[in-house]
Amino acid sequence: MDKSPIINKLDFKKGNGILPAVIQDSETRQVLMLGYMNREALDRTLRDGRVTFYSRSKERLWTKGETSGNFLEVKGIKTDCDNDTILVQASPAGPVCHTGSDTCFDETNENRHFLHHLERVIQERRDEPSGESYTSSLFRKGINKVAQKVGEEAVELVIEAKDDNDDLFLGEAADLMYHYLVLLAAKGKTLNEVIQVLESRHK
């Protein structure tokens, strides 16, 4: 990650060398916590790809997750309009708060859009396979089988589109959407990445 433009933009003098850093889940957009960074903490965050703060009470750097293992993997960093606040978009490896809560504001970190929730469940079935899970069984069969299922569901949707049974059509549309999300997960891609492509085309 190119660090110089971000560091050079920030006005550390406003905070006597320390600026607030808002941590946001890169996928759900949920605010996870607030910390503080000096120039050295930001430099290490950019260098290592894991969020590092400056502790005002202990007067030292500390990497989030250094004791718990619940690191915050950096996905992007932005500054506000006054260049005195840092927004870090990150992927949490586990609960963010020391209390065990998803966030330091005692909120559940979840995407309120069902497709993103379903995508996360599918990713969990990929990463933590279950013998009774149909989704896990698809991943075990490999990318060719997953792609084949998407093709089959697409054909079935086309067939139902020619008739007037709304229930069957919507059922096939749901089947195709589900298997499409499985294919994305099998390829290591996300729905957000597809949305970004669509947004760029729209612009």
N, C-alpha and C. Protein backbone atom coordinates (compact mmCIF):
# COMPACT_ATOMS: atom_id res chain seq x y z
N MET A 1 0.85 -1.19 0.00
CA MET A 1 0.00 0.00 0.00
C MET A 1 0.89 1.24 0.00
N ASP A 2 0.59 2.16 -0.94
CA ASP A 2 1.38 3.38 -1.02
C ASP A 2 1.01 4.28 0.15
N LYS A 3 1.94 4.52 1.04
CA LYS A 3 1.62 5.20 2.29
C LYS A 3 1.86 6.70 2.26
N SER A 4 2.74 7.19 1.41
CA SER A 4 3.12 8.59 1.49
C SER A 4 1.98 9.58 1.25
N PRO A 5 1.07 9.38 0.26
CA PRO A 5 0.00 10.36 0.07
C PRO A 5 -0.90 10.50 1.29
N ILE A 6 -1.22 9.38 1.95
CA ILE A 6 -2.12 9.42 3.10
C ILE A 6 -1.44 10.14 4.26
N ILE A 7 -0.22 9.77 4.56
CA ILE A 7 0.51 10.37 5.68
C ILE A 7 0.74 11.86 5.44
N ASN A 8 1.09 12.22 4.23
CA ASN A 8 1.38 13.62 3.92
C ASN A 8 0.14 14.50 3.97
N LYS A 9 -1.05 13.91 3.70
CA LYS A 9 -2.29 14.68 3.74
C LYS A 9 -2.72 15.02 5.16
N LEU A 10 -2.44 14.12 6.09
CA LEU A 10 -2.96 14.27 7.44
C LEU A 10 -2.26 15.40 8.21
N ASP A 11 -3.05 16.13 8.98
CA ASP A 11 -2.53 17.24 9.77
C ASP A 11 -2.38 16.78 11.22
N PHE A 12 -1.27 16.14 11.53
CA PHE A 12 -1.05 15.63 12.88
C PHE A 12 -0.89 16.75 13.90
N LYS A 13 -0.58 17.94 13.45
CA LYS A 13 -0.39 19.06 14.38
C LYS A 13 -1.68 19.40 15.11
N LYS A 14 -2.83 19.17 14.46
CA LYS A 14 -4.11 19.50 15.08
C LYS A 14 -4.34 18.73 16.37
N GLY A 15 -3.86 17.50 16.39
CA GLY A 15 -4.07 16.68 17.57
C GLY A 15 -2.82 16.51 18.40
N ASN A 16 -1.91 17.46 18.30
CA ASN A 16 -0.63 17.36 19.00
C ASN A 16 0.08 16.04 18.69
N GLY A 17 0.00 15.67 17.42
CA GLY A 17 0.70 14.47 16.96
C GLY A 17 -0.12 13.20 17.00
N ILE A 18 -1.36 13.28 17.51
CA ILE A 18 -2.21 12.09 17.62
C ILE A 18 -3.59 12.40 17.04
N LEU A 19 -4.06 11.54 16.14
CA LEU A 19 -5.36 11.74 15.50
C LEU A 19 -6.29 10.55 15.76
N PRO A 20 -7.61 10.81 15.84
CA PRO A 20 -8.56 9.71 16.02
C PRO A 20 -8.64 8.86 14.75
N ALA A 21 -8.80 7.55 14.96
CA ALA A 21 -8.91 6.61 13.84
C ALA A 21 -10.18 5.78 14.02
N VAL A 22 -11.14 5.99 13.14
CA VAL A 22 -12.39 5.23 13.16
C VAL A 22 -12.17 3.94 12.38
N ILE A 23 -12.51 2.80 12.99
CA ILE A 23 -12.34 1.51 12.33
C ILE A 23 -13.70 1.01 11.88
N GLN A 24 -13.82 0.73 10.59
CA GLN A 24 -15.07 0.30 9.98
C GLN A 24 -14.88 -1.04 9.29
N ASP A 25 -15.85 -1.94 9.46
CA ASP A 25 -15.79 -3.22 8.76
C ASP A 25 -15.90 -2.96 7.27
N SER A 26 -14.96 -3.45 6.50
CA SER A 26 -14.92 -3.17 5.06
C SER A 26 -16.08 -3.81 4.32
N GLU A 27 -16.69 -4.83 4.91
CA GLU A 27 -17.79 -5.52 4.23
C GLU A 27 -19.15 -5.02 4.71
N THR A 28 -19.37 -4.99 6.02
CA THR A 28 -20.67 -4.62 6.54
C THR A 28 -20.85 -3.12 6.70
N ARG A 29 -19.74 -2.38 6.70
CA ARG A 29 -19.71 -0.92 6.91
C ARG A 29 -20.07 -0.55 8.36
N GLN A 30 -20.11 -1.53 9.24
CA GLN A 30 -20.38 -1.27 10.65
C GLN A 30 -19.15 -0.63 11.30
N VAL A 31 -19.37 0.40 12.13
CA VAL A 31 -18.27 1.00 12.89
C VAL A 31 -17.89 0.05 14.01
N LEU A 32 -16.62 -0.35 14.06
CA LEU A 32 -16.17 -1.34 15.02
C LEU A 32 -15.60 -0.72 16.29
N MET A 33 -14.82 0.31 16.15
CA MET A 33 -14.19 0.91 17.32
C MET A 33 -13.55 2.25 16.94
N LEU A 34 -13.10 2.95 17.97
CA LEU A 34 -12.35 4.19 17.77
C LEU A 34 -11.02 4.05 18.50
N GLY A 35 -9.95 4.38 17.82
CA GLY A 35 -8.63 4.38 18.43
C GLY A 35 -7.90 5.65 18.05
N TYR A 36 -6.62 5.68 18.38
CA TYR A 36 -5.82 6.87 18.06
C TYR A 36 -4.50 6.43 17.42
N MET A 37 -4.05 7.24 16.50
CA MET A 37 -2.80 6.94 15.80
C MET A 37 -1.91 8.18 15.76
N ASN A 38 -0.63 7.96 15.98
CA ASN A 38 0.35 8.99 15.64
C ASN A 38 0.95 8.59 14.30
N ARG A 39 1.90 9.36 13.84
CA ARG A 39 2.48 9.09 12.52
C ARG A 39 3.12 7.70 12.46
N GLU A 40 3.77 7.30 13.56
CA GLU A 40 4.45 6.01 13.59
C GLU A 40 3.45 4.85 13.55
N ALA A 41 2.33 5.00 14.27
CA ALA A 41 1.29 3.96 14.27
C ALA A 41 0.68 3.80 12.89
N LEU A 42 0.42 4.92 12.23
CA LEU A 42 -0.14 4.86 10.89
C LEU A 42 0.85 4.24 9.91
N ASP A 43 2.12 4.60 10.07
CA ASP A 43 3.16 4.05 9.20
C ASP A 43 3.23 2.53 9.34
N ARG A 44 3.15 2.04 10.58
CA ARG A 44 3.21 0.59 10.80
C ARG A 44 1.93 -0.09 10.28
N THR A 45 0.80 0.58 10.44
CA THR A 45 -0.47 0.05 9.92
C THR A 45 -0.39 -0.14 8.41
N LEU A 46 0.13 0.85 7.74
CA LEU A 46 0.26 0.78 6.29
C LEU A 46 1.30 -0.25 5.87
N ARG A 47 2.37 -0.34 6.64
CA ARG A 47 3.46 -1.27 6.30
C ARG A 47 3.05 -2.73 6.51
N ASP A 48 2.40 -3.02 7.65
CA ASP A 48 2.10 -4.40 8.01
C ASP A 48 0.73 -4.88 7.53
N GLY A 49 -0.15 -3.92 7.20
CA GLY A 49 -1.49 -4.32 6.76
C GLY A 49 -2.40 -4.72 7.90
N ARG A 50 -1.99 -4.43 9.14
CA ARG A 50 -2.80 -4.68 10.33
C ARG A 50 -2.88 -3.40 11.14
N VAL A 51 -4.05 -3.15 11.71
CA VAL A 51 -4.26 -1.88 12.41
C VAL A 51 -3.41 -1.81 13.68
N THR A 52 -2.62 -0.76 13.77
CA THR A 52 -1.81 -0.47 14.95
C THR A 52 -2.18 0.91 15.47
N PHE A 53 -2.40 0.99 16.77
CA PHE A 53 -2.77 2.25 17.41
C PHE A 53 -1.64 2.80 18.26
N TYR A 54 -1.83 4.03 18.72
CA TYR A 54 -0.97 4.60 19.74
C TYR A 54 -1.79 4.67 21.03
N SER A 55 -1.31 4.03 22.08
CA SER A 55 -1.99 4.05 23.37
C SER A 55 -1.62 5.32 24.12
N ARG A 56 -2.60 6.17 24.38
CA ARG A 56 -2.34 7.42 25.09
C ARG A 56 -2.01 7.18 26.55
N SER A 57 -2.60 6.13 27.13
CA SER A 57 -2.35 5.86 28.55
C SER A 57 -0.99 5.19 28.78
N LYS A 58 -0.63 4.25 27.88
CA LYS A 58 0.63 3.54 28.04
C LYS A 58 1.77 4.19 27.25
N GLU A 59 1.40 5.15 26.40
CA GLU A 59 2.37 5.89 25.59
C GLU A 59 3.25 4.96 24.77
N ARG A 60 2.62 4.06 24.06
CA ARG A 60 3.35 3.14 23.19
C ARG A 60 2.44 2.67 22.07
N LEU A 61 3.03 2.07 21.03
CA LEU A 61 2.24 1.50 19.95
C LEU A 61 1.69 0.14 20.37
N TRP A 62 0.51 -0.20 19.89
CA TRP A 62 -0.02 -1.54 20.11
C TRP A 62 -0.85 -1.96 18.90
N THR A 63 -0.63 -3.18 18.46
CA THR A 63 -1.36 -3.71 17.32
C THR A 63 -2.61 -4.42 17.82
N LYS A 64 -3.76 -4.03 17.30
CA LYS A 64 -5.02 -4.64 17.71
C LYS A 64 -4.97 -6.14 17.41
N GLY A 65 -5.18 -6.95 18.46
CA GLY A 65 -5.14 -8.40 18.30
C GLY A 65 -3.82 -9.03 18.68
N GLU A 66 -2.88 -8.23 19.16
CA GLU A 66 -1.55 -8.77 19.47
C GLU A 66 -1.59 -9.78 20.61
N THR A 67 -2.61 -9.71 21.47
CA THR A 67 -2.75 -10.70 22.54
C THR A 67 -3.89 -11.68 22.25
N SER A 68 -4.98 -11.21 21.65
CA SER A 68 -6.15 -12.06 21.41
C SER A 68 -6.08 -12.82 20.09
N GLY A 69 -5.29 -12.30 19.15
CA GLY A 69 -5.26 -12.90 17.82
C GLY A 69 -6.34 -12.35 16.91
N ASN A 70 -7.19 -11.48 17.44
CA ASN A 70 -8.28 -10.89 16.65
C ASN A 70 -7.78 -9.63 15.93
N PHE A 71 -6.92 -9.84 14.96
CA PHE A 71 -6.34 -8.72 14.23
C PHE A 71 -7.37 -8.03 13.34
N LEU A 72 -7.06 -6.82 12.97
CA LEU A 72 -7.85 -6.06 12.01
C LEU A 72 -7.01 -5.91 10.74
N GLU A 73 -7.38 -6.66 9.71
CA GLU A 73 -6.65 -6.64 8.45
C GLU A 73 -7.10 -5.44 7.61
N VAL A 74 -6.17 -4.58 7.26
CA VAL A 74 -6.49 -3.34 6.57
C VAL A 74 -6.90 -3.60 5.12
N LYS A 75 -8.04 -3.00 4.74
CA LYS A 75 -8.52 -3.08 3.36
C LYS A 75 -8.46 -1.73 2.66
N GLY A 76 -8.46 -0.67 3.44
CA GLY A 76 -8.39 0.66 2.85
C GLY A 76 -8.30 1.72 3.94
N ILE A 77 -7.72 2.86 3.60
CA ILE A 77 -7.59 3.97 4.55
C ILE A 77 -7.96 5.27 3.85
N LYS A 78 -8.78 6.07 4.53
CA LYS A 78 -9.20 7.36 3.99
C LYS A 78 -9.02 8.43 5.07
N THR A 79 -9.04 9.68 4.63
CA THR A 79 -9.00 10.81 5.57
C THR A 79 -10.29 11.61 5.41
N ASP A 80 -10.65 12.36 6.46
CA ASP A 80 -11.84 13.19 6.34
C ASP A 80 -11.51 14.50 5.63
N CYS A 81 -12.53 15.36 5.49
CA CYS A 81 -12.37 16.58 4.71
C CYS A 81 -11.38 17.56 5.33
N ASP A 82 -11.19 17.48 6.66
CA ASP A 82 -10.25 18.38 7.34
C ASP A 82 -8.88 17.76 7.54
N ASN A 83 -8.73 16.51 7.09
CA ASN A 83 -7.44 15.80 7.20
C ASN A 83 -6.95 15.68 8.64
N ASP A 84 -7.92 15.53 9.57
CA ASP A 84 -7.52 15.34 10.96
C ASP A 84 -8.21 14.14 11.61
N THR A 85 -8.83 13.31 10.79
CA THR A 85 -9.45 12.06 11.26
C THR A 85 -9.19 10.98 10.24
N ILE A 86 -8.87 9.78 10.72
CA ILE A 86 -8.53 8.66 9.85
C ILE A 86 -9.68 7.65 9.85
N LEU A 87 -10.06 7.20 8.67
CA LEU A 87 -11.04 6.12 8.53
C LEU A 87 -10.32 4.90 7.99
N VAL A 88 -10.30 3.84 8.79
CA VAL A 88 -9.66 2.59 8.37
C VAL A 88 -10.74 1.55 8.11
N GLN A 89 -10.80 1.07 6.89
CA GLN A 89 -11.72 -0.01 6.55
C GLN A 89 -10.94 -1.32 6.66
N ALA A 90 -11.45 -2.21 7.52
CA ALA A 90 -10.69 -3.41 7.85
C ALA A 90 -11.59 -4.63 7.94
N SER A 91 -10.96 -5.79 7.90
CA SER A 91 -11.65 -7.06 8.07
C SER A 91 -11.25 -7.64 9.42
N PRO A 92 -12.21 -7.77 10.36
CA PRO A 92 -11.88 -8.28 11.69
C PRO A 92 -11.73 -9.80 11.69
N ALA A 93 -10.74 -10.29 12.42
CA ALA A 93 -10.51 -11.73 12.52
C ALA A 93 -11.36 -12.36 13.61
N GLY A 94 -12.06 -11.54 14.38
CA GLY A 94 -12.89 -12.03 15.48
C GLY A 94 -13.54 -10.85 16.17
N PRO A 95 -14.11 -11.07 17.36
CA PRO A 95 -14.70 -9.96 18.11
C PRO A 95 -13.68 -8.84 18.31
N VAL A 96 -14.14 -7.61 18.19
CA VAL A 96 -13.23 -6.47 18.27
C VAL A 96 -13.05 -6.00 19.71
N CYS A 97 -14.12 -6.01 20.49
CA CYS A 97 -14.05 -5.48 21.85
C CYS A 97 -13.45 -6.50 22.81
N HIS A 98 -12.75 -6.00 23.84
CA HIS A 98 -12.15 -6.88 24.84
C HIS A 98 -13.21 -7.62 25.66
N THR A 99 -14.47 -7.12 25.59
CA THR A 99 -15.56 -7.79 26.31
C THR A 99 -16.07 -9.02 25.57
N GLY A 100 -15.63 -9.17 24.32
CA GLY A 100 -16.11 -10.27 23.50
C GLY A 100 -17.19 -9.87 22.51
N SER A 101 -17.59 -8.60 22.57
CA SER A 101 -18.61 -8.08 21.66
C SER A 101 -18.01 -7.86 20.27
N ASP A 102 -18.86 -7.94 19.26
CA ASP A 102 -18.41 -7.71 17.88
C ASP A 102 -17.77 -6.34 17.72
N THR A 103 -18.35 -5.35 18.38
CA THR A 103 -17.85 -3.98 18.29
C THR A 103 -17.67 -3.40 19.69
N CYS A 104 -16.97 -2.30 19.77
CA CYS A 104 -16.78 -1.63 21.06
C CYS A 104 -18.01 -0.83 21.46
N PHE A 105 -19.05 -0.86 20.64
CA PHE A 105 -20.30 -0.19 20.95
C PHE A 105 -21.39 -1.20 21.27
N ASP A 106 -20.96 -2.44 21.53
CA ASP A 106 -21.86 -3.53 21.92
C ASP A 106 -22.95 -3.75 20.87
N GLU A 107 -22.55 -3.74 19.61
CA GLU A 107 -23.48 -4.00 18.51
C GLU A 107 -23.06 -5.28 17.80
N THR A 108 -24.03 -5.91 17.16
CA THR A 108 -23.74 -7.09 16.35
C THR A 108 -23.22 -6.63 15.00
N ASN A 109 -22.08 -7.16 14.61
CA ASN A 109 -21.50 -6.77 13.32
C ASN A 109 -22.05 -7.67 12.23
N GLU A 110 -23.10 -7.22 11.60
CA GLU A 110 -23.71 -8.00 10.53
C GLU A 110 -24.19 -7.08 9.43
N ASN A 111 -24.20 -7.61 8.24
CA ASN A 111 -24.71 -6.84 7.12
C ASN A 111 -26.22 -6.94 7.11
N ARG A 112 -26.87 -5.81 7.04
CA ARG A 112 -28.33 -5.79 7.11
C ARG A 112 -28.98 -6.18 5.80
N HIS A 113 -28.20 -6.42 4.78
CA HIS A 113 -28.74 -6.89 3.50
C HIS A 113 -28.61 -8.40 3.46
N PHE A 114 -29.71 -9.10 3.21
CA PHE A 114 -29.71 -10.55 3.35
C PHE A 114 -28.72 -11.23 2.41
N LEU A 115 -28.54 -10.71 1.21
CA LEU A 115 -27.60 -11.35 0.28
C LEU A 115 -26.19 -11.37 0.85
N HIS A 116 -25.80 -10.30 1.51
CA HIS A 116 -24.47 -10.27 2.13
C HIS A 116 -24.40 -11.22 3.32
N HIS A 117 -25.51 -11.32 4.05
CA HIS A 117 -25.56 -12.29 5.15
C HIS A 117 -25.43 -13.70 4.61
N LEU A 118 -26.17 -14.01 3.55
CA LEU A 118 -26.09 -15.34 2.94
C LEU A 118 -24.68 -15.60 2.42
N GLU A 119 -24.06 -14.58 1.84
CA GLU A 119 -22.70 -14.73 1.33
C GLU A 119 -21.74 -15.10 2.46
N ARG A 120 -21.91 -14.47 3.61
CA ARG A 120 -21.03 -14.77 4.74
C ARG A 120 -21.24 -16.21 5.23
N VAL A 121 -22.49 -16.68 5.26
CA VAL A 121 -22.78 -18.05 5.66
C VAL A 121 -22.11 -19.03 4.69
N ILE A 122 -22.21 -18.74 3.40
CA ILE A 122 -21.59 -19.59 2.38
C ILE A 122 -20.08 -19.63 2.57
N GLN A 123 -19.48 -18.48 2.85
CA GLN A 123 -18.03 -18.44 3.09
C GLN A 123 -17.64 -19.26 4.32
N GLU A 124 -18.50 -19.23 5.34
CA GLU A 124 -18.23 -20.03 6.54
C GLU A 124 -18.30 -21.53 6.22
N ARG A 125 -19.24 -21.92 5.37
CA ARG A 125 -19.34 -23.33 4.97
C ARG A 125 -18.12 -23.74 4.15
N ARG A 126 -17.54 -22.80 3.44
CA ARG A 126 -16.32 -23.07 2.69
C ARG A 126 -15.12 -23.22 3.62
N ASP A 127 -15.03 -22.30 4.58
CA ASP A 127 -13.85 -22.26 5.46
C ASP A 127 -13.94 -23.25 6.62
N GLU A 128 -15.16 -23.56 7.04
CA GLU A 128 -15.37 -24.52 8.14
C GLU A 128 -16.40 -25.54 7.68
N PRO A 129 -15.98 -26.50 6.85
CA PRO A 129 -16.91 -27.46 6.24
C PRO A 129 -17.69 -28.27 7.26
N SER A 130 -18.94 -28.52 6.91
CA SER A 130 -19.80 -29.38 7.72
C SER A 130 -20.25 -30.55 6.87
N GLY A 131 -20.20 -31.74 7.45
CA GLY A 131 -20.55 -32.94 6.70
C GLY A 131 -22.00 -32.98 6.27
N GLU A 132 -22.87 -32.26 6.99
CA GLU A 132 -24.30 -32.27 6.69
C GLU A 132 -24.71 -31.09 5.80
N SER A 133 -23.78 -30.24 5.46
CA SER A 133 -24.10 -29.04 4.71
C SER A 133 -24.03 -29.29 3.21
N TYR A 134 -25.11 -28.95 2.50
CA TYR A 134 -25.12 -29.04 1.04
C TYR A 134 -24.08 -28.11 0.44
N THR A 135 -23.97 -26.92 1.03
CA THR A 135 -23.01 -25.94 0.54
C THR A 135 -21.59 -26.47 0.64
N SER A 136 -21.26 -27.05 1.79
CA SER A 136 -19.92 -27.61 1.98
C SER A 136 -19.65 -28.73 0.98
N SER A 137 -20.69 -29.52 0.68
CA SER A 137 -20.52 -30.62 -0.27
C SER A 137 -20.19 -30.11 -1.67
N LEU A 138 -20.75 -28.95 -2.02
CA LEU A 138 -20.44 -28.36 -3.32
C LEU A 138 -18.97 -27.96 -3.40
N PHE A 139 -18.48 -27.35 -2.33
CA PHE A 139 -17.07 -26.94 -2.31
C PHE A 139 -16.15 -28.16 -2.39
N ARG A 140 -16.54 -29.24 -1.74
CA ARG A 140 -15.71 -30.44 -1.78
C ARG A 140 -15.63 -31.02 -3.19
N LYS A 141 -16.67 -30.84 -3.98
CA LYS A 141 -16.70 -31.40 -5.34
C LYS A 141 -15.86 -30.57 -6.32
N GLY A 142 -15.48 -29.38 -5.93
CA GLY A 142 -14.57 -28.59 -6.76
C GLY A 142 -15.25 -27.56 -7.64
N ILE A 143 -14.44 -26.70 -8.21
CA ILE A 143 -14.92 -25.55 -8.99
C ILE A 143 -15.72 -25.97 -10.21
N ASN A 144 -15.33 -27.07 -10.86
CA ASN A 144 -16.04 -27.50 -12.06
C ASN A 144 -17.49 -27.86 -11.74
N LYS A 145 -17.71 -28.55 -10.63
CA LYS A 145 -19.06 -28.93 -10.24
C LYS A 145 -19.88 -27.71 -9.86
N VAL A 146 -19.26 -26.78 -9.16
CA VAL A 146 -19.97 -25.56 -8.77
C VAL A 146 -20.39 -24.77 -10.01
N ALA A 147 -19.48 -24.62 -10.95
CA ALA A 147 -19.79 -23.90 -12.19
C ALA A 147 -20.88 -24.61 -12.98
N GLN A 148 -20.83 -25.94 -12.98
CA GLN A 148 -21.84 -26.72 -13.68
C GLN A 148 -23.22 -26.47 -13.08
N LYS A 149 -23.29 -26.42 -11.75
CA LYS A 149 -24.57 -26.18 -11.09
C LYS A 149 -25.13 -24.81 -11.45
N VAL A 150 -24.27 -23.80 -11.57
CA VAL A 150 -24.73 -22.48 -11.96
C VAL A 150 -25.33 -22.53 -13.36
N GLY A 151 -24.67 -23.26 -14.25
CA GLY A 151 -25.19 -23.41 -15.61
C GLY A 151 -26.53 -24.11 -15.63
N GLU A 152 -26.66 -25.17 -14.84
CA GLU A 152 -27.92 -25.91 -14.78
C GLU A 152 -29.05 -25.04 -14.25
N GLU A 153 -28.76 -24.29 -13.18
CA GLU A 153 -29.79 -23.44 -12.60
C GLU A 153 -30.18 -22.32 -13.56
N ALA A 154 -29.23 -21.81 -14.32
CA ALA A 154 -29.53 -20.75 -15.29
C ALA A 154 -30.47 -21.27 -16.37
N VAL A 155 -30.22 -22.50 -16.85
CA VAL A 155 -31.09 -23.10 -17.86
C VAL A 155 -32.50 -23.30 -17.29
N GLU A 156 -32.59 -23.78 -16.07
CA GLU A 156 -33.90 -24.00 -15.45
C GLU A 156 -34.66 -22.69 -15.28
N LEU A 157 -33.93 -21.62 -14.98
CA LEU A 157 -34.58 -20.32 -14.85
C LEU A 157 -35.12 -19.85 -16.19
N VAL A 158 -34.35 -20.04 -17.24
CA VAL A 158 -34.79 -19.66 -18.59
C VAL A 158 -36.06 -20.42 -18.97
N ILE A 159 -36.09 -21.70 -18.65
CA ILE A 159 -37.27 -22.52 -18.97
C ILE A 159 -38.50 -22.00 -18.24
N GLU A 160 -38.36 -21.70 -16.95
CA GLU A 160 -39.49 -21.21 -16.17
C GLU A 160 -39.92 -19.81 -16.61
N ALA A 161 -38.96 -19.03 -17.16
CA ALA A 161 -39.29 -17.68 -17.61
C ALA A 161 -40.29 -17.69 -18.77
N LYS A 162 -40.35 -18.81 -19.50
CA LYS A 162 -41.24 -18.91 -20.65
C LYS A 162 -42.67 -19.24 -20.25
N ASP A 163 -42.85 -19.65 -18.98
CA ASP A 163 -44.19 -19.99 -18.49
C ASP A 163 -44.72 -18.87 -17.60
N ASP A 164 -45.88 -19.09 -17.01
CA ASP A 164 -46.53 -18.05 -16.22
C ASP A 164 -46.67 -18.43 -14.75
N ASN A 165 -45.84 -19.37 -14.28
CA ASN A 165 -45.90 -19.77 -12.88
C ASN A 165 -44.88 -18.94 -12.09
N ASP A 166 -45.37 -17.91 -11.41
CA ASP A 166 -44.47 -16.99 -10.70
C ASP A 166 -43.70 -17.70 -9.59
N ASP A 167 -44.37 -18.61 -8.88
CA ASP A 167 -43.70 -19.30 -7.78
C ASP A 167 -42.51 -20.11 -8.27
N LEU A 168 -42.71 -20.86 -9.36
CA LEU A 168 -41.62 -21.67 -9.91
C LEU A 168 -40.51 -20.78 -10.45
N PHE A 169 -40.88 -19.69 -11.10
CA PHE A 169 -39.87 -18.77 -11.65
C PHE A 169 -39.03 -18.17 -10.53
N LEU A 170 -39.68 -17.69 -9.47
CA LEU A 170 -38.93 -17.09 -8.36
C LEU A 170 -38.08 -18.14 -7.63
N GLY A 171 -38.59 -19.35 -7.54
CA GLY A 171 -37.82 -20.42 -6.92
C GLY A 171 -36.54 -20.71 -7.68
N GLU A 172 -36.64 -20.76 -8.99
CA GLU A 172 -35.45 -21.01 -9.82
C GLU A 172 -34.50 -19.81 -9.78
N ALA A 173 -35.07 -18.60 -9.71
CA ALA A 173 -34.23 -17.40 -9.61
C ALA A 173 -33.43 -17.43 -8.30
N ALA A 174 -34.07 -17.88 -7.21
CA ALA A 174 -33.39 -17.99 -5.93
C ALA A 174 -32.30 -19.06 -5.98
N ASP A 175 -32.60 -20.19 -6.64
CA ASP A 175 -31.61 -21.26 -6.77
C ASP A 175 -30.37 -20.76 -7.53
N LEU A 176 -30.62 -20.01 -8.60
CA LEU A 176 -29.51 -19.49 -9.39
C LEU A 176 -28.68 -18.50 -8.57
N MET A 177 -29.35 -17.62 -7.83
CA MET A 177 -28.63 -16.63 -7.02
C MET A 177 -27.77 -17.31 -5.97
N TYR A 178 -28.32 -18.33 -5.31
CA TYR A 178 -27.57 -19.05 -4.30
C TYR A 178 -26.33 -19.71 -4.90
N HIS A 179 -26.50 -20.43 -5.99
CA HIS A 179 -25.36 -21.13 -6.59
C HIS A 179 -24.34 -20.15 -7.17
N TYR A 180 -24.82 -18.98 -7.61
CA TYR A 180 -23.92 -17.93 -8.09
C TYR A 180 -23.03 -17.43 -6.94
N LEU A 181 -23.61 -17.26 -5.75
CA LEU A 181 -22.82 -16.84 -4.59
C LEU A 181 -21.82 -17.91 -4.19
N VAL A 182 -22.21 -19.18 -4.32
CA VAL A 182 -21.28 -20.28 -4.04
C VAL A 182 -20.10 -20.23 -5.03
N LEU A 183 -20.40 -19.96 -6.29
CA LEU A 183 -19.34 -19.87 -7.29
C LEU A 183 -18.39 -18.72 -6.98
N LEU A 184 -18.93 -17.58 -6.58
CA LEU A 184 -18.07 -16.45 -6.21
C LEU A 184 -17.14 -16.84 -5.07
N ALA A 185 -17.70 -17.50 -4.06
CA ALA A 185 -16.89 -17.92 -2.90
C ALA A 185 -15.84 -18.94 -3.32
N ALA A 186 -16.19 -19.83 -4.22
CA ALA A 186 -15.24 -20.84 -4.69
C ALA A 186 -14.08 -20.19 -5.44
N LYS A 187 -14.35 -19.07 -6.08
CA LYS A 187 -13.32 -18.34 -6.82
C LYS A 187 -12.58 -17.33 -5.92
N GLY A 188 -12.99 -17.24 -4.65
CA GLY A 188 -12.35 -16.29 -3.74
C GLY A 188 -12.76 -14.85 -4.00
N LYS A 189 -13.92 -14.66 -4.59
CA LYS A 189 -14.43 -13.33 -4.89
C LYS A 189 -15.65 -13.03 -4.04
N THR A 190 -16.04 -11.75 -4.00
CA THR A 190 -17.17 -11.34 -3.18
C THR A 190 -18.21 -10.59 -4.00
N LEU A 191 -19.40 -10.52 -3.44
CA LEU A 191 -20.48 -9.77 -4.09
C LEU A 191 -20.12 -8.30 -4.20
N ASN A 192 -19.44 -7.76 -3.20
CA ASN A 192 -19.04 -6.36 -3.25
C ASN A 192 -18.13 -6.06 -4.43
N GLU A 193 -17.26 -7.01 -4.78
CA GLU A 193 -16.38 -6.80 -5.93
C GLU A 193 -17.18 -6.74 -7.22
N VAL A 194 -18.22 -7.56 -7.32
CA VAL A 194 -19.09 -7.52 -8.50
C VAL A 194 -19.84 -6.20 -8.54
N ILE A 195 -20.32 -5.76 -7.37
CA ILE A 195 -21.03 -4.49 -7.31
C ILE A 195 -20.13 -3.33 -7.74
N GLN A 196 -18.87 -3.38 -7.33
CA GLN A 196 -17.93 -2.33 -7.73
C GLN A 196 -17.76 -2.28 -9.24
N VAL A 197 -17.74 -3.43 -9.89
CA VAL A 197 -17.64 -3.46 -11.36
C VAL A 197 -18.88 -2.83 -11.98
N LEU A 198 -20.05 -3.18 -11.45
CA LEU A 198 -21.31 -2.63 -11.96
C LEU A 198 -21.35 -1.12 -11.74
N GLU A 199 -20.89 -0.69 -10.58
CA GLU A 199 -20.89 0.76 -10.29
C GLU A 199 -19.97 1.51 -11.24
N SER A 200 -18.81 0.92 -11.53
CA SER A 200 -17.87 1.59 -12.44
C SER A 200 -18.45 1.68 -13.84
N ARG A 201 -19.21 0.66 -14.24
CA ARG A 201 -19.86 0.71 -15.56
C ARG A 201 -20.98 1.74 -15.59
N HIS A 202 -21.68 1.86 -14.48
CA HIS A 202 -22.78 2.82 -14.40
C HIS A 202 -22.27 4.25 -14.52
N LYS A 203 -21.09 4.50 -13.92
CA LYS A 203 -20.52 5.86 -13.97
C LYS A 203 -20.12 6.21 -15.39
